[in-house]
Every structure is written in C-alpha cells, then in structure tokens.
Amino acid sequence: MNSYWKTNLKYVGILLTIWFLVSFGFGVLLVDELDSIRFGGFKLGFWFAQQGAIYVFVVLIFVYVFLMNRLDKREEAAQR
C-alpha cells in the first residue's frame, strides 16, 4: 500500500509540474517569445494564457484518471 501512495504522489507531482509549466511558463514567462507564433488567428502566448492552460488542465485530468485506474488494477491484482 505504501508503494501505491508513492506512485500516486509521483503522478500528481508530474502532472502538476506540467500544468504549472503550461499555465505559468507559457502563459506568463514565455508569452513574448510565443507571441511571434500564430495559432487559430491568435498569438500563441495569448492563446495559452486565455485558453491553452485550461485545455491542458482538462487533458491532465483525463490522464490522471487513466493512470489511477491502471494503478488501482495493478494494486488490486497484487493483493490477490
């Protein structure tokens, strides 16, 4: 059971790091560099700040659900 929680915390840490990089890194820190690229008619830095970080967050939720379902099945099989 201890390895289950370690793995869970590893998943959460990785996914939150990705979300932080996308939302803060792309939306705030790298906005000037990304604004030279157009995406859907908008500057990419603006797009990440306004919509991209939200889309990435929703995708990360589905990734977390997938990873946790796989981890739960593995843990259930190990307990048998």
PDB file of N, CA and C in Angstrom:
ATOM      1  N   MET A   1       0.828  -1.199   0.000  1.00  0.00           N
ATOM      2  CA  MET A   1       0.000   0.000   0.000  1.00  0.00           C
ATOM      3  C   MET A   1       0.867   1.255   0.000  1.00  0.00           C
ATOM      4  N   ASN A   2       2.038   1.182   0.602  1.00  0.00           N
ATOM      5  CA  ASN A   2       2.937   2.336   0.640  1.00  0.00           C
ATOM      6  C   ASN A   2       3.404   2.710  -0.770  1.00  0.00           C
ATOM      7  N   SER A   3       3.669   1.701  -1.600  1.00  0.00           N
ATOM      8  CA  SER A   3       4.095   1.982  -2.971  1.00  0.00           C
ATOM      9  C   SER A   3       2.962   2.606  -3.778  1.00  0.00           C
ATOM     10  N   TYR A   4       1.719   2.250  -3.453  1.00  0.00           N
ATOM     11  CA  TYR A   4       0.558   2.838  -4.129  1.00  0.00           C
ATOM     12  C   TYR A   4       0.549   4.353  -3.937  1.00  0.00           C
ATOM     13  N   TRP A   5       0.721   4.800  -2.711  1.00  0.00           N
ATOM     14  CA  TRP A   5       0.679   6.237  -2.432  1.00  0.00           C
ATOM     15  C   TRP A   5       1.897   6.963  -2.967  1.00  0.00           C
ATOM     16  N   LYS A   6       3.040   6.307  -2.959  1.00  0.00           N
ATOM     17  CA  LYS A   6       4.232   6.916  -3.558  1.00  0.00           C
ATOM     18  C   LYS A   6       4.028   7.125  -5.053  1.00  0.00           C
ATOM     19  N   THR A   7       3.468   6.115  -5.709  1.00  0.00           N
ATOM     20  CA  THR A   7       3.197   6.236  -7.138  1.00  0.00           C
ATOM     21  C   THR A   7       2.150   7.308  -7.405  1.00  0.00           C
ATOM     22  N   ASN A   8       1.110   7.350  -6.576  1.00  0.00           N
ATOM     23  CA  ASN A   8       0.071   8.368  -6.710  1.00  0.00           C
ATOM     24  C   ASN A   8       0.664   9.770  -6.576  1.00  0.00           C
ATOM     25  N   LEU A   9       1.492   9.982  -5.582  1.00  0.00           N
ATOM     26  CA  LEU A   9       2.119  11.288  -5.393  1.00  0.00           C
ATOM     27  C   LEU A   9       3.073  11.640  -6.528  1.00  0.00           C
ATOM     28  N   LYS A  10       3.731  10.633  -7.088  1.00  0.00           N
ATOM     29  CA  LYS A  10       4.604  10.868  -8.242  1.00  0.00           C
ATOM     30  C   LYS A  10       3.780  11.342  -9.435  1.00  0.00           C
ATOM     31  N   TYR A  11       2.658  10.669  -9.688  1.00  0.00           N
ATOM     32  CA  TYR A  11       1.769  11.077 -10.776  1.00  0.00           C
ATOM     33  C   TYR A  11       1.272  12.519 -10.579  1.00  0.00           C
ATOM     34  N   VAL A  12       0.813  12.815  -9.373  1.00  0.00           N
ATOM     35  CA  VAL A  12       0.300  14.157  -9.083  1.00  0.00           C
ATOM     36  C   VAL A  12       1.397  15.202  -9.262  1.00  0.00           C
ATOM     37  N   GLY A  13       2.586  14.912  -8.772  1.00  0.00           N
ATOM     38  CA  GLY A  13       3.698  15.856  -8.908  1.00  0.00           C
ATOM     39  C   GLY A  13       4.061  16.126 -10.358  1.00  0.00           C
ATOM     40  N   ILE A  14       4.117  15.074 -11.167  1.00  0.00           N
ATOM     41  CA  ILE A  14       4.450  15.235 -12.590  1.00  0.00           C
ATOM     42  C   ILE A  14       3.369  16.030 -13.310  1.00  0.00           C
ATOM     43  N   LEU A  15       2.112  15.679 -13.074  1.00  0.00           N
ATOM     44  CA  LEU A  15       1.015  16.359 -13.763  1.00  0.00           C
ATOM     45  C   LEU A  15       0.889  17.811 -13.334  1.00  0.00           C
ATOM     46  N   LEU A  16       1.085  18.103 -12.064  1.00  0.00           N
ATOM     47  CA  LEU A  16       1.044  19.497 -11.609  1.00  0.00           C
ATOM     48  C   LEU A  16       2.219  20.302 -12.158  1.00  0.00           C
ATOM     49  N   THR A  17       3.354  19.666 -12.308  1.00  0.00           N
ATOM     50  CA  THR A  17       4.504  20.343 -12.908  1.00  0.00           C
ATOM     51  C   THR A  17       4.220  20.694 -14.366  1.00  0.00           C
ATOM     52  N   ILE A  18       3.625  19.758 -15.093  1.00  0.00           N
ATOM     53  CA  ILE A  18       3.261  20.035 -16.484  1.00  0.00           C
ATOM     54  C   ILE A  18       2.277  21.192 -16.545  1.00  0.00           C
ATOM     55  N   TRP A  19       1.266  21.167 -15.674  1.00  0.00           N
ATOM     56  CA  TRP A  19       0.262  22.235 -15.674  1.00  0.00           C
ATOM     57  C   TRP A  19       0.893  23.576 -15.321  1.00  0.00           C
ATOM     58  N   PHE A  20       1.801  23.594 -14.353  1.00  0.00           N
ATOM     59  CA  PHE A  20       2.481  24.823 -13.980  1.00  0.00           C
ATOM     60  C   PHE A  20       3.302  25.363 -15.149  1.00  0.00           C
ATOM     61  N   LEU A  21       4.042  24.484 -15.814  1.00  0.00           N
ATOM     62  CA  LEU A  21       4.853  24.927 -16.954  1.00  0.00           C
ATOM     63  C   LEU A  21       3.987  25.512 -18.063  1.00  0.00           C
ATOM     64  N   VAL A  22       2.857  24.883 -18.332  1.00  0.00           N
ATOM     65  CA  VAL A  22       1.982  25.371 -19.387  1.00  0.00           C
ATOM     66  C   VAL A  22       1.297  26.668 -18.980  1.00  0.00           C
ATOM     67  N   SER A  23       0.727  26.701 -17.783  1.00  0.00           N
ATOM     68  CA  SER A  23      -0.045  27.885 -17.387  1.00  0.00           C
ATOM     69  C   SER A  23       0.852  29.070 -17.042  1.00  0.00           C
ATOM     70  N   PHE A  24       1.844  28.871 -16.228  1.00  0.00           N
ATOM     71  CA  PHE A  24       2.707  29.984 -15.820  1.00  0.00           C
ATOM     72  C   PHE A  24       3.849  30.205 -16.808  1.00  0.00           C
ATOM     73  N   GLY A  25       4.482  29.116 -17.217  1.00  0.00           N
ATOM     74  CA  GLY A  25       5.615  29.232 -18.126  1.00  0.00           C
ATOM     75  C   GLY A  25       5.217  29.770 -19.486  1.00  0.00           C
ATOM     76  N   PHE A  26       4.242  29.112 -20.126  1.00  0.00           N
ATOM     77  CA  PHE A  26       3.836  29.533 -21.466  1.00  0.00           C
ATOM     78  C   PHE A  26       2.943  30.758 -21.438  1.00  0.00           C
ATOM     79  N   GLY A  27       2.091  30.863 -20.421  1.00  0.00           N
ATOM     80  CA  GLY A  27       1.136  31.965 -20.359  1.00  0.00           C
ATOM     81  C   GLY A  27       1.687  33.251 -19.794  1.00  0.00           C
ATOM     82  N   VAL A  28       2.795  33.198 -19.046  1.00  0.00           N
ATOM     83  CA  VAL A  28       3.335  34.405 -18.413  1.00  0.00           C
ATOM     84  C   VAL A  28       4.800  34.637 -18.790  1.00  0.00           C
ATOM     85  N   LEU A  29       5.654  33.662 -18.509  1.00  0.00           N
ATOM     86  CA  LEU A  29       7.089  33.862 -18.689  1.00  0.00           C
ATOM     87  C   LEU A  29       7.526  33.889 -20.152  1.00  0.00           C
ATOM     88  N   LEU A  30       6.977  33.005 -20.955  1.00  0.00           N
ATOM     89  CA  LEU A  30       7.410  32.891 -22.350  1.00  0.00           C
ATOM     90  C   LEU A  30       6.431  33.543 -23.329  1.00  0.00           C
ATOM     91  N   VAL A  31       5.542  34.376 -22.817  1.00  0.00           N
ATOM     92  CA  VAL A  31       4.491  34.939 -23.662  1.00  0.00           C
ATOM     93  C   VAL A  31       5.061  35.767 -24.818  1.00  0.00           C
ATOM     94  N   ASP A  32       6.098  36.528 -24.590  1.00  0.00           N
ATOM     95  CA  ASP A  32       6.663  37.368 -25.653  1.00  0.00           C
ATOM     96  C   ASP A  32       7.252  36.524 -26.777  1.00  0.00           C
ATOM     97  N   GLU A  33       7.956  35.451 -26.415  1.00  0.00           N
ATOM     98  CA  GLU A  33       8.527  34.578 -27.431  1.00  0.00           C
ATOM     99  C   GLU A  33       7.443  33.834 -28.203  1.00  0.00           C
ATOM    100  N   LEU A  34       6.406  33.380 -27.492  1.00  0.00           N
ATOM    101  CA  LEU A  34       5.336  32.624 -28.134  1.00  0.00           C
ATOM    102  C   LEU A  34       4.416  33.507 -28.978  1.00  0.00           C
ATOM    103  N   ASP A  35       4.372  34.790 -28.675  1.00  0.00           N
ATOM    104  CA  ASP A  35       3.507  35.688 -29.438  1.00  0.00           C
ATOM    105  C   ASP A  35       3.961  35.852 -30.884  1.00  0.00           C
ATOM    106  N   SER A  36       5.176  35.449 -31.207  1.00  0.00           N
ATOM    107  CA  SER A  36       5.631  35.514 -32.597  1.00  0.00           C
ATOM    108  C   SER A  36       5.018  34.394 -33.445  1.00  0.00           C
ATOM    109  N   ILE A  37       4.352  33.419 -32.794  1.00  0.00           N
ATOM    110  CA  ILE A  37       3.710  32.296 -33.483  1.00  0.00           C
ATOM    111  C   ILE A  37       2.199  32.506 -33.423  1.00  0.00           C
ATOM    112  N   ARG A  38       1.532  32.254 -34.529  1.00  0.00           N
ATOM    113  CA  ARG A  38       0.071  32.385 -34.590  1.00  0.00           C
ATOM    114  C   ARG A  38      -0.579  31.003 -34.480  1.00  0.00           C
ATOM    115  N   PHE A  39      -1.687  30.934 -33.737  1.00  0.00           N
ATOM    116  CA  PHE A  39      -2.445  29.693 -33.576  1.00  0.00           C
ATOM    117  C   PHE A  39      -3.927  30.049 -33.657  1.00  0.00           C
ATOM    118  N   GLY A  40      -4.594  29.612 -34.709  1.00  0.00           N
ATOM    119  CA  GLY A  40      -6.013  29.913 -34.867  1.00  0.00           C
ATOM    120  C   GLY A  40      -6.287  31.395 -35.020  1.00  0.00           C
ATOM    121  N   GLY A  41      -5.339  32.133 -35.566  1.00  0.00           N
ATOM    122  CA  GLY A  41      -5.508  33.568 -35.744  1.00  0.00           C
ATOM    123  C   GLY A  41      -5.093  34.399 -34.542  1.00  0.00           C
ATOM    124  N   PHE A  42      -4.707  33.752 -33.453  1.00  0.00           N
ATOM    125  CA  PHE A  42      -4.298  34.461 -32.243  1.00  0.00           C
ATOM    126  C   PHE A  42      -2.821  34.227 -31.977  1.00  0.00           C
ATOM    127  N   LYS A  43      -2.215  35.130 -31.263  1.00  0.00           N
ATOM    128  CA  LYS A  43      -0.831  34.924 -30.837  1.00  0.00           C
ATOM    129  C   LYS A  43      -0.801  33.758 -29.857  1.00  0.00           C
ATOM    130  N   LEU A  44       0.196  32.892 -30.011  1.00  0.00           N
ATOM    131  CA  LEU A  44       0.243  31.660 -29.215  1.00  0.00           C
ATOM    132  C   LEU A  44       0.370  31.943 -27.718  1.00  0.00           C
ATOM    133  N   GLY A  45       1.134  32.940 -27.331  1.00  0.00           N
ATOM    134  CA  GLY A  45       1.246  33.283 -25.914  1.00  0.00           C
ATOM    135  C   GLY A  45      -0.082  33.708 -25.327  1.00  0.00           C
ATOM    136  N   PHE A  46      -0.828  34.512 -26.071  1.00  0.00           N
ATOM    137  CA  PHE A  46      -2.159  34.936 -25.636  1.00  0.00           C
ATOM    138  C   PHE A  46      -3.087  33.735 -25.534  1.00  0.00           C
ATOM    139  N   TRP A  47      -3.012  32.848 -26.541  1.00  0.00           N
ATOM    140  CA  TRP A  47      -3.876  31.674 -26.540  1.00  0.00           C
ATOM    141  C   TRP A  47      -3.618  30.794 -25.315  1.00  0.00           C
ATOM    142  N   PHE A  48      -2.337  30.561 -24.980  1.00  0.00           N
ATOM    143  CA  PHE A  48      -2.022  29.755 -23.795  1.00  0.00           C
ATOM    144  C   PHE A  48      -2.539  30.423 -22.528  1.00  0.00           C
ATOM    145  N   ALA A  49      -2.400  31.733 -22.442  1.00  0.00           N
ATOM    146  CA  ALA A  49      -2.842  32.439 -21.240  1.00  0.00           C
ATOM    147  C   ALA A  49      -4.356  32.394 -21.100  1.00  0.00           C
ATOM    148  N   GLN A  50      -5.084  32.451 -22.210  1.00  0.00           N
ATOM    149  CA  GLN A  50      -6.536  32.531 -22.146  1.00  0.00           C
ATOM    150  C   GLN A  50      -7.239  31.185 -22.215  1.00  0.00           C
ATOM    151  N   GLN A  51      -6.756  30.274 -23.051  1.00  0.00           N
ATOM    152  CA  GLN A  51      -7.463  29.010 -23.252  1.00  0.00           C
ATOM    153  C   GLN A  51      -6.573  27.774 -23.137  1.00  0.00           C
ATOM    154  N   GLY A  52      -5.359  27.874 -23.589  1.00  0.00           N
ATOM    155  CA  GLY A  52      -4.496  26.699 -23.657  1.00  0.00           C
ATOM    156  C   GLY A  52      -4.267  26.024 -22.334  1.00  0.00           C
ATOM    157  N   ALA A  53      -4.054  26.810 -21.284  1.00  0.00           N
ATOM    158  CA  ALA A  53      -3.810  26.225 -19.967  1.00  0.00           C
ATOM    159  C   ALA A  53      -5.032  25.477 -19.465  1.00  0.00           C
ATOM    160  N   ILE A  54      -6.221  25.969 -19.785  1.00  0.00           N
ATOM    161  CA  ILE A  54      -7.445  25.290 -19.368  1.00  0.00           C
ATOM    162  C   ILE A  54      -7.593  23.971 -20.113  1.00  0.00           C
ATOM    163  N   TYR A  55      -7.330  23.985 -21.426  1.00  0.00           N
ATOM    164  CA  TYR A  55      -7.411  22.745 -22.206  1.00  0.00           C
ATOM    165  C   TYR A  55      -6.411  21.715 -21.703  1.00  0.00           C
ATOM    166  N   VAL A  56      -5.214  22.165 -21.428  1.00  0.00           N
ATOM    167  CA  VAL A  56      -4.186  21.244 -20.916  1.00  0.00           C
ATOM    168  C   VAL A  56      -4.611  20.685 -19.565  1.00  0.00           C
ATOM    169  N   PHE A  57      -5.191  21.517 -18.707  1.00  0.00           N
ATOM    170  CA  PHE A  57      -5.650  21.057 -17.400  1.00  0.00           C
ATOM    171  C   PHE A  57      -6.714  19.970 -17.549  1.00  0.00           C
ATOM    172  N   VAL A  58      -7.661  20.156 -18.465  1.00  0.00           N
ATOM    173  CA  VAL A  58      -8.705  19.147 -18.676  1.00  0.00           C
ATOM    174  C   VAL A  58      -8.084  17.844 -19.189  1.00  0.00           C
ATOM    175  N   VAL A  59      -7.143  17.935 -20.118  1.00  0.00           N
ATOM    176  CA  VAL A  59      -6.464  16.739 -20.619  1.00  0.00           C
ATOM    177  C   VAL A  59      -5.710  16.043 -19.485  1.00  0.00           C
ATOM    178  N   LEU A  60      -5.064  16.823 -18.612  1.00  0.00           N
ATOM    179  CA  LEU A  60      -4.334  16.232 -17.489  1.00  0.00           C
ATOM    180  C   LEU A  60      -5.266  15.510 -16.521  1.00  0.00           C
ATOM    181  N   ILE A  61      -6.493  15.994 -16.372  1.00  0.00           N
ATOM    182  CA  ILE A  61      -7.468  15.292 -15.537  1.00  0.00           C
ATOM    183  C   ILE A  61      -7.742  13.905 -16.112  1.00  0.00           C
ATOM    184  N   PHE A  62      -7.955  13.819 -17.430  1.00  0.00           N
ATOM    185  CA  PHE A  62      -8.205  12.523 -18.056  1.00  0.00           C
ATOM    186  C   PHE A  62      -6.973  11.617 -17.972  1.00  0.00           C
ATOM    187  N   VAL A  63      -5.795  12.180 -18.109  1.00  0.00           N
ATOM    188  CA  VAL A  63      -4.566  11.394 -17.963  1.00  0.00           C
ATOM    189  C   VAL A  63      -4.462  10.847 -16.543  1.00  0.00           C
ATOM    190  N   TYR A  64      -4.781  11.687 -15.548  1.00  0.00           N
ATOM    191  CA  TYR A  64      -4.730  11.235 -14.154  1.00  0.00           C
ATOM    192  C   TYR A  64      -5.726  10.099 -13.916  1.00  0.00           C
ATOM    193  N   VAL A  65      -6.935  10.228 -14.441  1.00  0.00           N
ATOM    194  CA  VAL A  65      -7.938   9.162 -14.292  1.00  0.00           C
ATOM    195  C   VAL A  65      -7.423   7.870 -14.917  1.00  0.00           C
ATOM    196  N   PHE A  66      -6.857   7.955 -16.113  1.00  0.00           N
ATOM    197  CA  PHE A  66      -6.308   6.774 -16.782  1.00  0.00           C
ATOM    198  C   PHE A  66      -5.202   6.136 -15.950  1.00  0.00           C
ATOM    199  N   LEU A  67      -4.264   6.962 -15.476  1.00  0.00           N
ATOM    200  CA  LEU A  67      -3.144   6.437 -14.693  1.00  0.00           C
ATOM    201  C   LEU A  67      -3.614   5.811 -13.384  1.00  0.00           C
ATOM    202  N   MET A  68      -4.574   6.445 -12.717  1.00  0.00           N
ATOM    203  CA  MET A  68      -5.048   5.914 -11.439  1.00  0.00           C
ATOM    204  C   MET A  68      -5.857   4.639 -11.628  1.00  0.00           C
ATOM    205  N   ASN A  69      -6.634   4.544 -12.702  1.00  0.00           N
ATOM    206  CA  ASN A  69      -7.351   3.299 -12.967  1.00  0.00           C
ATOM    207  C   ASN A  69      -6.372   2.157 -13.198  1.00  0.00           C
ATOM    208  N   ARG A  70      -5.309   2.441 -13.944  1.00  0.00           N
ATOM    209  CA  ARG A  70      -4.290   1.419 -14.186  1.00  0.00           C
ATOM    210  C   ARG A  70      -3.588   1.038 -12.879  1.00  0.00           C
ATOM    211  N   LEU A  71      -3.280   2.026 -12.054  1.00  0.00           N
ATOM    212  CA  LEU A  71      -2.620   1.758 -10.770  1.00  0.00           C
ATOM    213  C   LEU A  71      -3.542   0.973  -9.837  1.00  0.00           C
ATOM    214  N   ASP A  72      -4.827   1.317  -9.823  1.00  0.00           N
ATOM    215  CA  ASP A  72      -5.780   0.592  -8.984  1.00  0.00           C
ATOM    216  C   ASP A  72      -5.882  -0.871  -9.402  1.00  0.00           C
ATOM    217  N   LYS A  73      -5.917  -1.130 -10.705  1.00  0.00           N
ATOM    218  CA  LYS A  73      -5.988  -2.512 -11.181  1.00  0.00           C
ATOM    219  C   LYS A  73      -4.725  -3.283 -10.806  1.00  0.00           C
ATOM    220  N   ARG A  74      -3.580  -2.621 -10.924  1.00  0.00           N
ATOM    221  CA  ARG A  74      -2.314  -3.262 -10.560  1.00  0.00           C
ATOM    222  C   ARG A  74      -2.284  -3.570  -9.060  1.00  0.00           C
ATOM    223  N   GLU A  75      -2.744  -2.636  -8.243  1.00  0.00           N
ATOM    224  CA  GLU A  75      -2.758  -2.825  -6.789  1.00  0.00           C
ATOM    225  C   GLU A  75      -3.754  -3.925  -6.402  1.00  0.00           C
ATOM    226  N   GLU A  76      -4.899  -3.954  -7.061  1.00  0.00           N
ATOM    227  CA  GLU A  76      -5.890  -4.984  -6.787  1.00  0.00           C
ATOM    228  C   GLU A  76      -5.359  -6.371  -7.136  1.00  0.00           C
ATOM    229  N   ALA A  77      -4.651  -6.464  -8.264  1.00  0.00           N
ATOM    230  CA  ALA A  77      -4.075  -7.753  -8.660  1.00  0.00           C
ATOM    231  C   ALA A  77      -2.977  -8.180  -7.696  1.00  0.00           C
ATOM    232  N   ALA A  78      -2.238  -7.235  -7.157  1.00  0.00           N
ATOM    233  CA  ALA A  78      -1.149  -7.567  -6.233  1.00  0.00           C
ATOM    234  C   ALA A  78      -1.683  -8.042  -4.885  1.00  0.00           C
ATOM    235  N   GLN A  79      -2.865  -7.600  -4.517  1.00  0.00           N
ATOM    236  CA  GLN A  79      -3.448  -8.000  -3.215  1.00  0.00           C
ATOM    237  C   GLN A  79      -4.058  -9.386  -3.257  1.00  0.00           C
ATOM    238  N   ARG A  80      -4.282  -9.907  -4.447  1.00  0.00           N
ATOM    239  CA  ARG A  80      -4.888 -11.250  -4.554  1.00  0.00           C
ATOM    240  C   ARG A  80      -3.923 -12.338  -4.308  1.00  0.00           C
TER     241      ARG A  80
END
